[in-house]
């Protein structure tokens, strides 16, 4: 049986924020959105005005930032590293960071400092999908075109996608990939 909704208080919002941050990393803006959604649900159920709780949400987010629970830079660095390990392109990572509320200037600066390049990430994506040097057997021109298109849809440039798909030797391709790619 569902508990009856209770009006938001600073203490309840802080507990909600801590519960969320215990499970997920978050940026300042993303935490604000999470708390807003929670307040919206409760306010709708209790027929309250959600705008009355905006200040409470802001102060809860600021408390989390001051205490070090929320740090946009650390969150973005961790997210970039995680996305690169998954073989994601710089364009896609930027889109993810924007969706999570990380400032575009910070995201661009961190992406510029990032060690891995799009070629290395494209190699990871190609290996997972068995494209290019990781495919079994030979590929005809039509299959290569489809593999290039798949990598381009993931946000890699045509040049990088073509370089990875047309490569013969995976090790040489990985050795050639440098941080500035």
Protein backbone atom coordinates (compact mmCIF):
# COMPACT_ATOMS: atom_id res chain seq x y z
CA UNK A 1 0.00 0.00 0.00
CA UNK A 2 1.28 3.42 -0.96
CA UNK A 3 2.02 5.96 1.78
CA UNK A 4 0.08 9.20 1.61
CA UNK A 5 2.06 12.10 0.18
CA UNK A 6 3.54 14.60 2.61
CA UNK A 7 4.39 18.19 1.71
CA UNK A 8 8.06 18.80 0.91
CA UNK A 9 10.27 20.20 3.63
CA UNK A 10 13.98 21.04 3.54
CA UNK A 11 14.69 17.92 5.55
CA UNK A 12 12.69 15.66 3.21
CA UNK A 13 14.27 17.21 0.14
CA UNK A 14 17.74 16.72 1.63
CA UNK A 15 16.94 13.07 2.37
CA UNK A 16 15.73 12.65 -1.20
CA UNK A 17 18.87 14.31 -2.54
CA UNK A 18 21.12 12.12 -0.40
CA UNK A 19 19.24 9.00 -1.46
CA UNK A 20 19.60 9.95 -5.12
CA UNK A 21 23.28 10.89 -4.78
CA UNK A 22 23.95 7.64 -2.95
CA UNK A 23 22.83 5.76 -6.05
CA UNK A 24 23.90 8.05 -8.91
CA UNK A 25 26.47 10.68 -9.69
CA UNK A 26 24.92 13.98 -10.62
CA UNK A 27 25.57 17.49 -11.78
CA UNK A 28 24.10 20.47 -9.98
CA UNK A 29 21.47 21.03 -12.68
CA UNK A 30 20.52 17.36 -12.86
CA UNK A 31 19.99 17.19 -9.08
CA UNK A 32 17.82 20.30 -9.30
CA UNK A 33 15.69 18.62 -12.01
CA UNK A 34 15.36 15.43 -9.96
CA UNK A 35 14.17 17.35 -6.92
CA UNK A 36 11.80 19.44 -9.06
CA UNK A 37 10.19 16.28 -10.44
CA UNK A 38 9.75 14.93 -6.93
CA UNK A 39 8.17 18.18 -5.75
CA UNK A 40 5.93 18.28 -8.84
CA UNK A 41 4.57 14.78 -8.10
CA UNK A 42 3.89 15.56 -4.46
CA UNK A 43 2.50 19.04 -5.18
CA UNK A 44 0.16 17.63 -7.81
CA UNK A 45 -1.07 14.93 -5.44
CA UNK A 46 -1.61 17.41 -2.59
CA UNK A 47 -2.91 20.16 -4.90
CA UNK A 48 -0.14 22.57 -3.92
CA UNK A 49 1.73 25.09 -6.08
CA UNK A 50 5.16 23.64 -7.01
CA UNK A 51 6.56 27.16 -7.41
CA UNK A 52 6.29 27.61 -3.64
CA UNK A 53 9.12 25.09 -3.20
CA UNK A 54 11.64 26.55 -5.69
CA UNK A 55 13.69 28.24 -2.97
CA UNK A 56 13.77 25.05 -0.92
CA UNK A 57 15.05 23.10 -3.92
CA UNK A 58 17.75 25.69 -4.63
CA UNK A 59 18.95 25.71 -1.02
CA UNK A 60 19.06 21.89 -0.92
CA UNK A 61 21.15 21.78 -4.11
CA UNK A 62 23.49 24.46 -2.74
CA UNK A 63 23.94 22.50 0.49
CA UNK A 64 24.92 19.46 -1.56
CA UNK A 65 27.39 21.53 -3.59
CA UNK A 66 28.95 23.16 -0.50
CA UNK A 67 29.34 19.80 1.21
CA UNK A 68 31.11 18.36 -1.86
CA UNK A 69 28.42 15.82 -2.70
CA UNK A 70 27.85 17.48 -6.07
CA UNK A 71 30.77 18.66 -8.19
CA UNK A 72 30.08 19.31 -11.86
CA UNK A 73 33.75 19.00 -12.84
CA UNK A 74 34.26 15.62 -11.15
CA UNK A 75 30.94 14.37 -12.49
CA UNK A 76 31.83 15.42 -16.05
CA UNK A 77 35.32 13.89 -15.84
CA UNK A 78 33.91 10.58 -14.62
CA UNK A 79 31.18 10.61 -17.27
CA UNK A 80 33.67 11.35 -20.06
CA UNK A 81 35.92 8.49 -18.94
CA UNK A 82 32.95 6.12 -18.68
CA UNK A 83 31.59 7.07 -22.10
CA UNK A 84 35.03 6.71 -23.73
CA UNK A 85 35.39 3.21 -22.28
CA UNK A 86 32.07 2.40 -23.97
CA UNK A 87 33.41 3.65 -27.31
CA UNK A 88 31.38 6.84 -27.52
CA UNK A 89 32.30 9.78 -29.77
CA UNK A 90 33.08 13.28 -28.58
CA UNK A 91 29.81 14.53 -30.12
CA UNK A 92 27.77 11.97 -28.25
CA UNK A 93 29.58 12.63 -24.97
CA UNK A 94 28.93 16.35 -25.37
CA UNK A 95 25.23 15.64 -25.94
CA UNK A 96 25.09 13.46 -22.81
CA UNK A 97 26.79 16.12 -20.71
CA UNK A 98 24.46 18.81 -22.05
CA UNK A 99 21.44 16.65 -21.22
CA UNK A 100 22.71 16.24 -17.66
CA UNK A 101 23.08 19.99 -17.23
CA UNK A 102 26.85 20.34 -17.37
CA UNK A 103 27.81 23.80 -18.66
CA UNK A 104 29.00 23.69 -22.27
CA UNK A 105 32.21 25.63 -21.50
CA UNK A 106 33.19 23.13 -18.82
CA UNK A 107 32.34 20.18 -21.06
CA UNK A 108 34.40 21.57 -23.95
CA UNK A 109 37.37 22.30 -21.70
CA UNK A 110 37.31 18.79 -20.20
CA UNK A 111 36.92 17.16 -23.61
CA UNK A 112 39.99 19.10 -24.81
CA UNK A 113 41.98 17.86 -21.79
CA UNK A 114 40.78 14.29 -22.26
CA UNK A 115 43.49 11.76 -23.13
CA UNK A 116 41.72 9.34 -25.48
CA UNK A 117 40.65 10.44 -28.92
CA UNK A 118 37.79 9.65 -31.25
CA UNK A 119 39.91 7.10 -33.14
CA UNK A 120 40.45 5.05 -29.98
CA UNK A 121 36.76 5.31 -29.11
CA UNK A 122 35.78 4.35 -32.67
CA UNK A 123 38.04 1.30 -32.35
CA UNK A 124 36.20 0.26 -29.19
CA UNK A 125 32.83 0.74 -30.91
CA UNK A 126 34.02 -1.19 -33.98
CA UNK A 127 35.40 -4.02 -31.85
CA UNK A 128 32.09 -4.35 -30.00
CA UNK A 129 30.15 -4.51 -33.26
CA UNK A 130 32.83 -6.57 -35.06
CA UNK A 131 33.48 -3.96 -37.73
CA UNK A 132 36.67 -3.35 -39.66
CA UNK A 133 39.65 -5.44 -38.56
CA UNK A 134 37.52 -7.19 -35.93
CA UNK A 135 35.03 -8.67 -38.42
CA UNK A 136 35.21 -12.29 -39.43
CA UNK A 137 35.98 -12.77 -43.08
CA UNK A 138 36.17 -10.22 -45.84
CA UNK A 139 33.69 -7.41 -46.32
CA UNK A 140 32.36 -6.23 -49.65
CA UNK A 141 31.93 -2.55 -50.43
CA UNK A 142 28.26 -2.60 -49.39
CA UNK A 143 29.04 -4.02 -45.95
CA UNK A 144 31.86 -1.54 -45.42
CA UNK A 145 29.52 1.30 -46.37
CA UNK A 146 26.98 0.07 -43.79
CA UNK A 147 29.66 -0.18 -41.10
CA UNK A 148 30.89 3.34 -41.86
CA UNK A 149 27.31 4.62 -41.70
CA UNK A 150 26.76 2.90 -38.34
CA UNK A 151 29.85 4.57 -36.86
CA UNK A 152 28.82 7.93 -38.31
CA UNK A 153 25.40 7.58 -36.66
CA UNK A 154 27.22 7.11 -33.37
CA UNK A 155 28.77 10.56 -33.85
CA UNK A 156 32.14 9.74 -35.38
CA UNK A 157 33.31 11.73 -38.39
CA UNK A 158 33.25 10.11 -41.80
CA UNK A 159 37.05 10.17 -41.97
CA UNK A 160 37.50 8.38 -38.64
CA UNK A 161 34.77 5.85 -39.41
CA UNK A 162 36.31 5.09 -42.81
CA UNK A 163 39.81 4.81 -41.32
CA UNK A 164 38.62 2.27 -38.74
CA UNK A 165 36.40 0.21 -41.06
CA UNK A 166 38.98 0.01 -43.85
CA UNK A 167 41.89 -0.85 -41.55
CA UNK A 168 43.51 -4.27 -41.99
CA UNK A 169 45.39 -4.51 -38.72
CA UNK A 170 43.74 -3.67 -35.42
CA UNK A 171 46.99 -3.30 -33.49
CA UNK A 172 48.50 -0.87 -35.98
CA UNK A 173 45.28 1.15 -35.97
CA UNK A 174 45.35 1.38 -32.17
CA UNK A 175 49.04 2.34 -32.21
CA UNK A 176 48.36 5.10 -34.75
CA UNK A 177 45.50 6.56 -32.73
CA UNK A 178 46.82 9.44 -30.72
CA UNK A 179 45.20 11.77 -28.13
CA UNK A 180 44.79 14.62 -30.61
CA UNK A 181 42.59 12.59 -33.00
